[in-house]
Amino acid sequence: MWRDESSDYQDVAGFCASVPVSRVAELDYVLTPGRYVGLPEEEDDFNFAERFTALKAEFEEQLKEEERLNKVILENLGKIKLDNNDQI
């Protein structure tokens, strides 16, 4: 055994779990942690409408920034002068 039975170890959902080899064998010896630790218990105590509105506003700002950066890139590309002998 990897730990002393008197230790105060506890499984933590989504983080760690102690499982017997027989359980690993049942899962065909696949050691992907999610198969054993599961998902953490999270409370859905956030306001969806508020969260959605904030994420939407952030996304809209990112779209504006993308548009601005695309214009800057196109302007900079337009400044590049190529001789007729240059090849890209």
Protein backbone atom coordinates (compact mmCIF):
# COMPACT_ATOMS: atom_id res chain seq x y z
CA MET A 1 0.00 0.00 0.00
CA TRP A 2 1.30 3.47 -0.89
CA ARG A 3 0.19 5.11 2.34
CA ASP A 4 -0.18 4.31 6.00
CA GLU A 5 -3.76 3.45 6.94
CA SER A 6 -3.57 5.88 9.84
CA SER A 7 -2.97 8.83 7.51
CA ASP A 8 -5.73 11.37 7.03
CA TYR A 9 -5.77 11.10 3.22
CA GLN A 10 -9.09 11.80 1.52
CA ASP A 11 -10.05 11.67 -2.14
CA VAL A 12 -10.75 15.11 -3.58
CA ALA A 13 -13.22 15.13 -6.47
CA GLY A 14 -11.60 16.49 -9.61
CA PHE A 15 -8.13 16.38 -8.06
CA CYS A 16 -7.06 13.03 -6.61
CA ALA A 17 -8.37 9.56 -5.86
CA SER A 18 -6.99 6.35 -4.46
CA VAL A 19 -8.33 3.35 -6.35
CA PRO A 20 -7.46 -0.34 -6.14
CA VAL A 21 -5.59 -2.02 -8.99
CA SER A 22 -8.76 -3.99 -9.75
CA ARG A 23 -10.49 -0.71 -10.70
CA VAL A 24 -7.57 0.19 -12.98
CA ALA A 25 -7.87 -3.26 -14.57
CA GLU A 26 -11.62 -2.72 -15.13
CA LEU A 27 -10.73 0.40 -17.12
CA ASP A 28 -8.22 -1.58 -19.22
CA TYR A 29 -5.25 0.01 -17.44
CA VAL A 30 -5.95 3.41 -18.96
CA LEU A 31 -4.46 5.95 -16.55
CA THR A 32 -6.32 9.07 -17.66
CA PRO A 33 -6.93 10.87 -14.35
CA GLY A 34 -10.50 11.91 -15.19
CA ARG A 35 -11.59 8.29 -15.17
CA TYR A 36 -10.71 8.06 -11.51
CA VAL A 37 -10.94 11.50 -9.93
CA GLY A 38 -14.20 12.59 -11.55
CA LEU A 39 -15.32 16.20 -11.59
CA PRO A 40 -15.16 18.66 -8.73
CA GLU A 41 -18.42 19.57 -7.13
CA GLU A 42 -19.11 23.15 -8.11
CA GLU A 43 -22.05 25.23 -7.17
CA ASP A 44 -23.87 27.10 -9.89
CA ASP A 45 -24.30 30.19 -7.78
CA PHE A 46 -23.55 32.75 -10.48
CA ASN A 47 -26.06 34.93 -12.29
CA PHE A 48 -26.22 33.59 -15.84
CA ALA A 49 -27.68 36.77 -17.36
CA GLU A 50 -25.00 38.90 -15.71
CA ARG A 51 -22.20 36.52 -16.72
CA PHE A 52 -23.49 36.25 -20.29
CA THR A 53 -23.78 40.03 -20.64
CA ALA A 54 -20.20 40.51 -19.40
CA LEU A 55 -18.82 37.82 -21.71
CA LYS A 56 -20.73 39.23 -24.67
CA ALA A 57 -19.36 42.72 -24.01
CA GLU A 58 -15.82 41.34 -23.73
CA PHE A 59 -16.25 39.44 -27.00
CA GLU A 60 -17.55 42.54 -28.78
CA GLU A 61 -14.49 44.49 -27.59
CA GLN A 62 -12.25 41.72 -28.88
CA LEU A 63 -13.97 41.87 -32.27
CA LYS A 64 -13.35 45.63 -32.42
CA GLU A 65 -9.70 45.10 -31.52
CA GLU A 66 -9.41 42.42 -34.20
CA GLU A 67 -10.82 44.82 -36.80
CA ARG A 68 -8.38 47.54 -35.74
CA LEU A 69 -5.41 45.18 -35.86
CA ASN A 70 -6.42 43.85 -39.28
CA LYS A 71 -6.44 47.43 -40.61
CA VAL A 72 -2.98 48.08 -39.15
CA ILE A 73 -1.65 44.89 -40.72
CA LEU A 74 -3.10 45.77 -44.12
CA GLU A 75 -1.63 49.29 -43.91
CA ASN A 76 1.79 47.89 -43.04
CA LEU A 77 1.62 45.35 -45.84
CA GLY A 78 0.74 48.18 -48.23
CA LYS A 79 3.97 49.98 -47.27
CA ILE A 80 6.13 47.12 -48.49
CA LYS A 81 7.57 47.92 -51.91
CA LEU A 82 8.72 45.04 -54.06
CA ASP A 83 10.98 45.34 -57.08
CA ASN A 84 9.85 43.50 -60.18
CA ASN A 85 12.71 41.05 -59.61
CA ASP A 86 11.65 40.20 -56.06
CA GLN A 87 9.65 37.05 -55.54
CA ILE A 88 7.68 36.01 -52.54
